[in-house]
Amino acid sequence: MSGKIIEIIRGNMFATFPEMAISTGVTERTVYRNIQKLKAQGIIKRIGPDKGGYWMITEK
């Protein structure tokens, strides 16, 4: 699941939770939980506000 989210972010750094949920076939809540795990691990981070911001992959 986390791998799919990272792929989505690589393709579109402005992707929203609803877009990720549709692309992965899970609920927005599941996407949110996985995003929180990725942020806690330091793999991704959010730059800017919820609206108008974007995702940055910090993992090399």
N, C-alpha and C. Protein backbone atom coordinates (compact mmCIF):
# COMPACT_ATOMS: atom_id res chain seq x y z
N MET A 1 0.81 -1.19 0.00
CA MET A 1 0.00 0.00 0.00
C MET A 1 0.86 1.26 0.00
N SER A 2 1.84 1.32 0.88
CA SER A 2 2.71 2.51 0.94
C SER A 2 3.46 2.70 -0.36
N GLY A 3 3.85 1.60 -1.00
CA GLY A 3 4.54 1.68 -2.28
C GLY A 3 3.68 2.32 -3.35
N LYS A 4 2.38 1.99 -3.35
CA LYS A 4 1.46 2.57 -4.32
C LYS A 4 1.32 4.07 -4.09
N ILE A 5 1.25 4.45 -2.83
CA ILE A 5 1.11 5.88 -2.50
C ILE A 5 2.35 6.65 -2.96
N ILE A 6 3.52 6.08 -2.74
CA ILE A 6 4.75 6.73 -3.19
C ILE A 6 4.77 6.86 -4.71
N GLU A 7 4.33 5.82 -5.41
CA GLU A 7 4.26 5.89 -6.89
C GLU A 7 3.31 6.99 -7.33
N ILE A 8 2.17 7.11 -6.66
CA ILE A 8 1.20 8.15 -7.01
C ILE A 8 1.82 9.53 -6.80
N ILE A 9 2.52 9.71 -5.69
CA ILE A 9 3.15 11.00 -5.40
C ILE A 9 4.25 11.31 -6.41
N ARG A 10 5.01 10.29 -6.81
CA ARG A 10 6.03 10.51 -7.85
C ARG A 10 5.40 10.99 -9.15
N GLY A 11 4.22 10.46 -9.47
CA GLY A 11 3.52 10.86 -10.70
C GLY A 11 2.81 12.19 -10.60
N ASN A 12 2.37 12.54 -9.39
CA ASN A 12 1.62 13.78 -9.19
C ASN A 12 1.84 14.26 -7.76
N MET A 13 2.75 15.18 -7.56
CA MET A 13 3.06 15.63 -6.21
C MET A 13 1.93 16.46 -5.59
N PHE A 14 0.92 16.80 -6.39
CA PHE A 14 -0.23 17.55 -5.88
C PHE A 14 -1.43 16.63 -5.61
N ALA A 15 -1.22 15.32 -5.61
CA ALA A 15 -2.30 14.35 -5.42
C ALA A 15 -3.00 14.56 -4.08
N THR A 16 -4.32 14.39 -4.09
CA THR A 16 -5.13 14.55 -2.88
C THR A 16 -5.48 13.18 -2.31
N PHE A 17 -5.97 13.16 -1.06
CA PHE A 17 -6.38 11.90 -0.45
C PHE A 17 -7.47 11.20 -1.28
N PRO A 18 -8.50 11.93 -1.76
CA PRO A 18 -9.52 11.25 -2.58
C PRO A 18 -8.94 10.64 -3.87
N GLU A 19 -8.01 11.36 -4.51
CA GLU A 19 -7.39 10.83 -5.73
C GLU A 19 -6.58 9.58 -5.42
N MET A 20 -5.84 9.60 -4.30
CA MET A 20 -5.05 8.43 -3.92
C MET A 20 -5.95 7.26 -3.58
N ALA A 21 -7.08 7.53 -2.93
CA ALA A 21 -8.01 6.47 -2.55
C ALA A 21 -8.59 5.80 -3.80
N ILE A 22 -8.95 6.58 -4.78
CA ILE A 22 -9.49 6.03 -6.02
C ILE A 22 -8.43 5.21 -6.74
N SER A 23 -7.21 5.72 -6.82
CA SER A 23 -6.13 5.04 -7.52
C SER A 23 -5.73 3.73 -6.86
N THR A 24 -5.82 3.68 -5.53
CA THR A 24 -5.40 2.47 -4.82
C THR A 24 -6.56 1.53 -4.51
N GLY A 25 -7.79 2.03 -4.61
CA GLY A 25 -8.95 1.19 -4.36
C GLY A 25 -9.24 0.99 -2.88
N VAL A 26 -8.80 1.92 -2.04
CA VAL A 26 -9.08 1.84 -0.60
C VAL A 26 -9.77 3.13 -0.17
N THR A 27 -10.13 3.21 1.11
CA THR A 27 -10.82 4.41 1.61
C THR A 27 -9.82 5.54 1.85
N GLU A 28 -10.36 6.75 1.94
CA GLU A 28 -9.52 7.90 2.24
C GLU A 28 -8.87 7.75 3.61
N ARG A 29 -9.59 7.15 4.55
CA ARG A 29 -9.06 6.95 5.90
C ARG A 29 -7.82 6.04 5.86
N THR A 30 -7.87 5.00 5.04
CA THR A 30 -6.73 4.09 4.90
C THR A 30 -5.55 4.83 4.29
N VAL A 31 -5.81 5.66 3.30
CA VAL A 31 -4.75 6.47 2.69
C VAL A 31 -4.15 7.39 3.75
N TYR A 32 -5.00 8.04 4.53
CA TYR A 32 -4.54 8.95 5.57
C TYR A 32 -3.62 8.24 6.56
N ARG A 33 -4.02 7.05 7.02
CA ARG A 33 -3.20 6.28 7.97
C ARG A 33 -1.84 5.94 7.35
N ASN A 34 -1.83 5.54 6.10
CA ASN A 34 -0.57 5.19 5.44
C ASN A 34 0.31 6.42 5.23
N ILE A 35 -0.29 7.55 4.91
CA ILE A 35 0.46 8.80 4.77
C ILE A 35 1.10 9.16 6.10
N GLN A 36 0.36 9.01 7.20
CA GLN A 36 0.90 9.31 8.52
C GLN A 36 2.11 8.44 8.83
N LYS A 37 2.04 7.16 8.47
CA LYS A 37 3.17 6.25 8.69
C LYS A 37 4.38 6.68 7.87
N LEU A 38 4.15 7.02 6.60
CA LEU A 38 5.24 7.45 5.73
C LEU A 38 5.88 8.74 6.25
N LYS A 39 5.05 9.66 6.75
CA LYS A 39 5.58 10.90 7.30
C LYS A 39 6.39 10.62 8.57
N ALA A 40 5.91 9.73 9.43
CA ALA A 40 6.61 9.39 10.67
C ALA A 40 7.96 8.74 10.38
N GLN A 41 8.03 7.98 9.29
CA GLN A 41 9.28 7.31 8.90
C GLN A 41 10.22 8.26 8.17
N GLY A 42 9.76 9.46 7.85
CA GLY A 42 10.59 10.44 7.16
C GLY A 42 10.72 10.19 5.67
N ILE A 43 9.81 9.40 5.11
CA ILE A 43 9.89 9.07 3.68
C ILE A 43 9.27 10.18 2.82
N ILE A 44 8.19 10.77 3.33
CA ILE A 44 7.55 11.88 2.61
C ILE A 44 7.27 13.00 3.59
N LYS A 45 7.03 14.19 3.04
CA LYS A 45 6.57 15.29 3.88
C LYS A 45 5.73 16.22 3.03
N ARG A 46 4.88 16.96 3.71
CA ARG A 46 3.99 17.89 3.06
C ARG A 46 4.63 19.27 3.07
N ILE A 47 4.67 19.90 1.91
CA ILE A 47 5.21 21.25 1.77
C ILE A 47 4.03 22.17 1.49
N GLY A 48 3.85 23.16 2.33
CA GLY A 48 2.76 24.11 2.14
C GLY A 48 1.48 23.67 2.81
N PRO A 49 0.40 24.41 2.60
CA PRO A 49 -0.87 24.13 3.25
C PRO A 49 -1.59 22.93 2.63
N ASP A 50 -2.68 22.51 3.28
CA ASP A 50 -3.47 21.39 2.76
C ASP A 50 -3.99 21.70 1.35
N LYS A 51 -4.45 22.90 1.16
CA LYS A 51 -4.89 23.31 -0.17
C LYS A 51 -3.78 24.12 -0.80
N GLY A 52 -3.29 23.68 -1.93
CA GLY A 52 -2.25 24.41 -2.63
C GLY A 52 -0.85 23.90 -2.34
N GLY A 53 -0.70 23.01 -1.37
CA GLY A 53 0.61 22.45 -1.06
C GLY A 53 0.91 21.24 -1.94
N TYR A 54 2.02 20.59 -1.67
CA TYR A 54 2.39 19.40 -2.44
C TYR A 54 3.19 18.44 -1.57
N TRP A 55 3.33 17.22 -2.05
CA TRP A 55 4.08 16.16 -1.36
C TRP A 55 5.50 16.13 -1.87
N MET A 56 6.45 15.89 -0.97
CA MET A 56 7.84 15.74 -1.36
C MET A 56 8.34 14.41 -0.82
N ILE A 57 8.96 13.62 -1.68
CA ILE A 57 9.55 12.36 -1.25
C ILE A 57 10.98 12.67 -0.80
N THR A 58 11.26 12.39 0.47
CA THR A 58 12.57 12.71 1.03
C THR A 58 13.51 11.52 0.98
N GLU A 59 12.95 10.33 0.78
CA GLU A 59 13.76 9.11 0.70
C GLU A 59 14.54 9.08 -0.61
N LYS A 60 15.79 8.64 -0.54
CA LYS A 60 16.60 8.58 -1.77
C LYS A 60 16.59 7.20 -2.34
